[in-house]
Amino acid sequence: MGVADVVEQLRRAHARLTEALQATTEADAAIVAGATLFDSATVGSGQPVVEQAARHADAARDDVQAAHVLLDQVRELIDGYCRAIAGHGIDEAGVSAAAVSGLPASQAEPTPPPVPAGTTIDPEARYPGWIAELRRNGTPIDPERVLRMTRLRNGRIVWLRSRADTENSMPGFDTDRTDEFERTGVDADRVVDLVFRALDVGEPVSESGDAPPSEGDAVGDAALGMVANGDGVGASHRLVLEVDFERTRRRVAVTVAADGRISDARPLRARLGPSSTM
C-alpha cells in the first residue's frame, strides 16, 4: 500500500471520528435538555428515584465529555501521523475529512461541551478551537487559569478562570459570593455547575430597571437578558437567567467582562410559579 492509499484511509478514519465527535456534542446537549425537563417535572418530589436520576444524568455527561476529549485526541494523533508520512495534515491534502464523511462543513468542528467540575484535563487540549478563536480576535487568555468555558446562544465565548487567592475562595468565585449561594441552598462545590447550567440552558429574564429581552432578536445580547453595566467599549454586561437546578427554580445574575471573562455571579430571588420551591 502506497503513501497515497494510507492517507486516504487516514482521511476516512478521521472523518468517522469527526462524526463520533459530533455525536458526543449532540448527546451532551440532549442529556442536559432531558435532565432539565425531568427536574422541572419532579420539583418538590421526595422520591429517591428523582435524586438517583439526577446523579445518573451527571455521570452520563461526565462519560460523554470524557469520550469527546479522547476522540478529539485520536483525531489529532491521526493528523500528526499523516504529517509524518506525507508532509501535510488531513485537511491539507485537497479533500477535507468533512467531505469524505459527507458531513456539512459547519459540522466538521463541533463545539466542545463544558469542562466538568474538578477536571484535570488541560483546557487548551479540550478547547483548542475556542481558545484559538479568542486569540485571533486579540483577546488575551491564559489557558492554565481556565476552569470552564461555554459559548452563549448569541455566539459569544465566555469563560471562568481560577482566582489568584485560591486559599480564601472556591474555584472562580470569592468566599463571600460562594456563601451567598450556600445560603440559598446551593453547595459551594455546585456553584460553578449552577452558573454554567444557567448559561447553557437558562431562561433569560430581566430585573426591575433592566431592559427587557428583545422579541425577535434571538441571537442578540438582549435575548439573553444581557444588560450593560456601563457605557462604551469595555463595559461589562450582566446576564439574568432562570434555570431549574437540583429540583429548584433558581435565578442567577452573571457578570461578563468585555473580554468574555465571567467576573461575578450571584443568586437572585426566583420568580414565584408552579416550578419554584423558593
Protein backbone atom coordinates (compact mmCIF):
# COMPACT_ATOMS: atom_id res chain seq x y z
CA MET A 1 0.00 0.00 0.00
CA GLY A 2 1.44 3.33 -1.09
CA VAL A 3 1.51 6.57 0.89
CA ALA A 4 -1.47 7.95 -1.05
CA ASP A 5 -3.53 4.89 -0.14
CA VAL A 6 -2.57 5.19 3.53
CA VAL A 7 -3.50 8.90 3.55
CA GLU A 8 -6.90 8.07 2.05
CA GLN A 9 -7.54 5.53 4.81
CA LEU A 10 -6.41 8.07 7.40
CA ARG A 11 -8.87 10.59 5.92
CA ARG A 12 -11.70 8.11 6.26
CA ALA A 13 -10.77 7.23 9.84
CA HIS A 14 -10.52 10.93 10.69
CA ALA A 15 -13.93 11.56 9.12
CA ARG A 16 -15.58 8.75 11.12
CA LEU A 17 -14.13 10.15 14.31
CA THR A 18 -15.46 13.58 13.35
CA GLU A 19 -18.93 12.03 13.12
CA ALA A 20 -18.46 10.43 16.54
CA LEU A 21 -17.24 13.74 17.97
CA GLN A 22 -20.36 15.48 16.68
CA ALA A 23 -22.49 12.74 18.23
CA THR A 24 -20.95 13.34 21.65
CA THR A 25 -21.78 17.04 21.40
CA GLU A 26 -25.38 16.24 20.47
CA ALA A 27 -25.60 13.63 23.23
CA ASP A 28 -24.35 16.09 25.84
CA ALA A 29 -26.95 18.67 24.79
CA ALA A 30 -29.69 16.03 24.84
CA ILE A 31 -28.72 14.89 28.35
CA VAL A 32 -28.83 18.48 29.62
CA ALA A 33 -32.23 19.07 27.99
CA GLY A 34 -33.68 15.80 29.30
CA ALA A 35 -32.35 16.30 32.82
CA THR A 36 -33.67 19.87 32.91
CA LEU A 37 -37.15 18.76 31.84
CA PHE A 38 -37.11 15.94 34.39
CA ASP A 39 -36.01 18.35 37.15
CA SER A 40 -38.85 20.71 36.24
CA ALA A 41 -41.45 17.92 36.20
CA THR A 42 -40.38 16.49 39.57
CA VAL A 43 -39.91 19.68 41.60
CA GLY A 44 -40.94 19.00 45.19
CA SER A 45 -40.86 15.23 44.87
CA GLY A 46 -39.24 13.28 47.67
CA GLN A 47 -38.97 10.04 45.73
CA PRO A 48 -35.43 8.56 45.85
CA VAL A 49 -35.58 7.86 42.14
CA VAL A 50 -35.55 11.61 41.44
CA GLU A 51 -32.16 12.13 43.06
CA GLN A 52 -30.88 8.90 41.53
CA ALA A 53 -31.87 10.07 38.05
CA ALA A 54 -30.02 13.35 38.56
CA ARG A 55 -26.87 11.51 39.63
CA HIS A 56 -27.07 9.20 36.64
CA ALA A 57 -27.54 12.12 34.26
CA ASP A 58 -24.46 13.86 35.70
CA ALA A 59 -22.45 10.64 35.40
CA ALA A 60 -23.61 10.20 31.81
CA ARG A 61 -22.48 13.75 30.96
CA ASP A 62 -19.08 13.06 32.52
CA ASP A 63 -18.70 9.92 30.38
CA VAL A 64 -19.80 11.68 27.20
CA GLN A 65 -17.46 14.61 27.83
CA ALA A 66 -14.56 12.25 28.54
CA ALA A 67 -15.32 10.42 25.28
CA HIS A 68 -15.36 13.77 23.45
CA VAL A 69 -11.89 14.63 24.71
CA LEU A 70 -10.45 11.22 23.85
CA LEU A 71 -11.97 11.20 20.37
CA ASP A 72 -10.53 14.64 19.67
CA GLN A 73 -7.12 13.46 20.84
CA VAL A 74 -7.29 10.47 18.47
CA ARG A 75 -8.12 12.84 15.60
CA GLU A 76 -5.05 14.91 16.47
CA LEU A 77 -2.88 11.77 16.53
CA ILE A 78 -4.16 10.73 13.09
CA ASP A 79 -3.43 14.21 11.75
CA GLY A 80 0.08 14.06 13.22
CA TYR A 81 0.70 10.64 11.69
CA CYS A 82 -0.42 11.95 8.31
CA ARG A 83 2.06 14.83 8.60
CA ALA A 84 4.83 12.39 9.49
CA ILE A 85 4.34 10.15 6.45
CA ALA A 86 3.02 12.60 3.85
CA GLY A 87 4.27 16.03 4.95
CA HIS A 88 0.78 17.52 5.35
CA GLY A 89 -2.23 17.28 7.61
CA ILE A 90 -5.53 15.51 6.90
CA ASP A 91 -7.34 18.64 5.74
CA GLU A 92 -4.37 19.94 3.71
CA ALA A 93 -4.41 17.11 1.19
CA GLY A 94 -7.15 18.53 -1.03
CA VAL A 95 -10.15 16.74 0.46
CA SER A 96 -11.39 17.54 3.93
CA ALA A 97 -12.49 14.95 6.47
CA ALA A 98 -15.94 16.51 6.40
CA ALA A 99 -16.24 15.92 2.67
CA VAL A 100 -15.15 12.28 2.97
CA SER A 101 -17.70 11.60 5.68
CA GLY A 102 -20.50 13.50 3.96
CA LEU A 103 -20.86 15.90 6.88
CA PRO A 104 -21.75 19.54 6.21
CA ALA A 105 -18.69 21.77 6.62
CA SER A 106 -20.40 23.54 9.53
CA GLN A 107 -20.36 20.25 11.47
CA ALA A 108 -16.71 19.39 10.82
CA GLU A 109 -15.56 21.13 14.04
CA PRO A 110 -18.31 20.77 16.66
CA THR A 111 -18.20 22.96 19.72
CA PRO A 112 -16.91 21.16 22.80
CA PRO A 113 -19.07 20.59 25.88
CA PRO A 114 -18.35 22.50 29.12
CA VAL A 115 -15.48 21.33 31.32
CA PRO A 116 -16.94 19.36 34.25
CA ALA A 117 -16.08 20.47 37.78
CA GLY A 118 -12.86 19.01 39.08
CA THR A 119 -11.44 18.14 35.66
CA THR A 120 -7.69 17.74 35.37
CA ILE A 121 -7.61 17.83 31.56
CA ASP A 122 -5.69 20.75 30.09
CA PRO A 123 -8.28 23.33 28.92
CA GLU A 124 -6.13 24.14 25.89
CA ALA A 125 -6.43 20.50 24.82
CA ARG A 126 -10.17 20.45 25.49
CA TYR A 127 -10.95 23.82 23.92
CA PRO A 128 -8.31 24.39 21.21
CA GLY A 129 -10.82 25.92 18.78
CA TRP A 130 -12.36 28.37 21.26
CA ILE A 131 -9.02 29.48 22.68
CA ALA A 132 -7.61 29.93 19.18
CA GLU A 133 -10.69 31.96 18.19
CA LEU A 134 -10.26 34.28 21.16
CA ARG A 135 -6.60 34.78 20.37
CA ARG A 136 -7.34 35.51 16.71
CA ASN A 137 -9.73 38.21 17.89
CA GLY A 138 -6.99 39.72 20.03
CA THR A 139 -8.45 38.59 23.36
CA PRO A 140 -5.74 37.79 25.93
CA ILE A 141 -6.39 34.48 27.70
CA ASP A 142 -4.25 32.25 29.90
CA PRO A 143 -5.34 28.62 29.28
CA GLU A 144 -3.66 27.48 32.50
CA ARG A 145 -6.17 29.54 34.52
CA VAL A 146 -9.28 28.48 32.58
CA LEU A 147 -11.70 26.46 34.72
CA ARG A 148 -14.60 26.16 32.31
CA MET A 149 -15.78 27.65 29.02
CA THR A 150 -19.01 27.83 27.06
CA ARG A 151 -20.46 29.60 24.03
CA LEU A 152 -23.56 31.68 24.66
CA ARG A 153 -26.56 31.48 22.38
CA ASN A 154 -25.55 34.80 20.82
CA GLY A 155 -22.26 33.21 19.76
CA ARG A 156 -20.07 34.87 22.38
CA ILE A 157 -17.44 32.73 24.14
CA VAL A 158 -17.26 33.19 27.91
CA TRP A 159 -15.07 31.52 30.48
CA LEU A 160 -14.41 31.25 34.20
CA ARG A 161 -10.84 31.42 35.41
CA SER A 162 -9.19 30.40 38.66
CA ARG A 163 -8.63 33.09 41.25
CA ALA A 164 -5.16 34.14 42.37
CA ASP A 165 -6.20 33.82 46.03
CA THR A 166 -7.14 30.13 45.96
CA GLU A 167 -6.74 29.65 49.72
CA ASN A 168 -9.59 32.02 50.55
CA SER A 169 -12.00 31.23 47.75
CA MET A 170 -13.81 28.47 45.93
CA PRO A 171 -12.71 27.99 42.31
CA GLY A 172 -13.67 31.04 40.29
CA PHE A 173 -15.59 32.97 42.96
CA ASP A 174 -14.63 34.61 46.23
CA THR A 175 -15.79 33.20 49.55
CA ASP A 176 -18.39 35.89 50.22
CA ARG A 177 -20.13 35.20 46.91
CA THR A 178 -19.98 31.44 47.44
CA ASP A 179 -21.51 31.95 50.90
CA GLU A 180 -24.44 33.78 49.26
CA PHE A 181 -25.16 30.74 47.12
CA GLU A 182 -24.85 28.41 50.11
CA ARG A 183 -27.46 30.46 52.00
CA THR A 184 -29.89 29.77 49.14
CA GLY A 185 -29.25 26.02 49.38
CA VAL A 186 -26.56 25.55 46.73
CA ASP A 187 -23.48 23.68 47.98
CA ALA A 188 -20.20 25.51 47.42
CA ASP A 189 -18.89 22.80 45.10
CA ARG A 190 -22.01 23.08 42.93
CA VAL A 191 -21.94 26.85 42.36
CA VAL A 192 -19.92 26.62 39.14
CA ASP A 193 -22.26 23.88 37.86
CA LEU A 194 -25.27 26.10 38.55
CA VAL A 195 -23.76 29.12 36.81
CA PHE A 196 -22.89 27.16 33.67
CA ARG A 197 -26.22 25.32 33.63
CA ALA A 198 -27.87 28.75 33.65
CA LEU A 199 -25.62 29.99 30.84
CA ASP A 200 -26.24 26.89 28.72
CA VAL A 201 -30.00 26.35 29.10
CA GLY A 202 -31.34 29.09 31.40
CA GLU A 203 -34.28 31.29 30.52
CA PRO A 204 -33.34 34.99 30.12
CA VAL A 205 -35.27 37.33 32.39
CA SER A 206 -34.97 40.96 33.43
CA GLU A 207 -34.93 42.56 36.84
CA SER A 208 -36.71 45.75 37.79
CA GLY A 209 -34.95 48.53 35.94
CA ASP A 210 -33.26 46.17 33.49
CA ALA A 211 -34.02 46.32 29.79
CA PRO A 212 -36.45 43.51 28.88
CA PRO A 213 -35.36 40.82 26.43
CA SER A 214 -35.94 41.77 22.82
CA GLU A 215 -38.64 39.86 20.96
CA GLY A 216 -37.17 38.97 17.59
CA ASP A 217 -33.51 39.29 18.49
CA ALA A 218 -32.89 35.59 19.08
CA VAL A 219 -29.11 35.87 18.92
CA GLY A 220 -28.51 39.35 20.33
CA ASP A 221 -27.44 40.31 23.83
CA ALA A 222 -30.95 41.38 24.78
CA ALA A 223 -32.31 37.92 24.02
CA LEU A 224 -30.03 36.57 26.73
CA GLY A 225 -31.05 39.11 29.35
CA MET A 226 -27.64 40.77 28.90
CA VAL A 227 -27.66 44.27 30.35
CA ALA A 228 -24.75 46.70 30.10
CA ASN A 229 -23.10 47.75 33.37
CA GLY A 230 -21.65 50.96 31.99
CA ASP A 231 -21.29 52.81 28.71
CA GLY A 232 -18.98 52.41 25.77
CA VAL A 233 -16.33 49.91 24.79
CA GLY A 234 -15.02 47.84 27.66
CA ALA A 235 -18.24 47.82 29.67
CA SER A 236 -19.16 44.62 31.42
CA HIS A 237 -22.57 43.03 30.92
CA ARG A 238 -24.87 41.16 33.25
CA LEU A 239 -26.97 38.19 32.22
CA VAL A 240 -30.00 37.42 34.38
CA LEU A 241 -31.14 33.84 33.90
CA GLU A 242 -33.56 31.40 35.49
CA VAL A 243 -32.99 27.65 35.45
CA ASP A 244 -34.21 24.51 37.21
CA PHE A 245 -31.29 23.18 39.20
CA GLU A 246 -31.41 20.33 41.71
CA ARG A 247 -35.22 20.38 41.53
CA THR A 248 -35.42 24.07 42.43
CA ARG A 249 -36.13 27.06 40.21
CA ARG A 250 -33.22 29.46 40.60
CA ARG A 251 -32.38 32.89 39.26
CA VAL A 252 -28.73 33.81 38.73
CA ALA A 253 -27.07 37.06 37.69
CA VAL A 254 -23.79 36.53 35.84
CA THR A 255 -21.48 39.44 35.08
CA VAL A 256 -19.33 39.06 31.97
CA ALA A 257 -16.36 41.35 31.36
CA ALA A 258 -15.74 42.92 27.96
CA ASP A 259 -13.23 40.19 27.09
CA GLY A 260 -15.70 37.37 27.87
CA ARG A 261 -14.36 36.52 31.31
CA ILE A 262 -17.01 35.76 33.95
CA SER A 263 -16.14 38.24 36.65
CA ASP A 264 -19.01 37.65 39.07
CA ALA A 265 -22.16 35.64 39.72
CA ARG A 266 -24.75 35.93 42.43
CA PRO A 267 -28.05 34.31 43.36
CA LEU A 268 -31.27 36.30 42.99
CA ARG A 269 -34.79 35.60 44.16
CA ALA A 270 -36.53 33.46 41.55
CA ARG A 271 -39.98 34.44 40.44
CA LEU A 272 -42.84 32.52 42.04
CA GLY A 273 -44.53 29.92 39.93
CA PRO A 274 -45.54 26.27 39.72
CA SER A 275 -41.93 25.15 39.19
CA SER A 276 -40.47 27.17 42.07
CA THR A 277 -39.95 25.89 45.60
CA MET A 278 -38.44 29.11 46.93
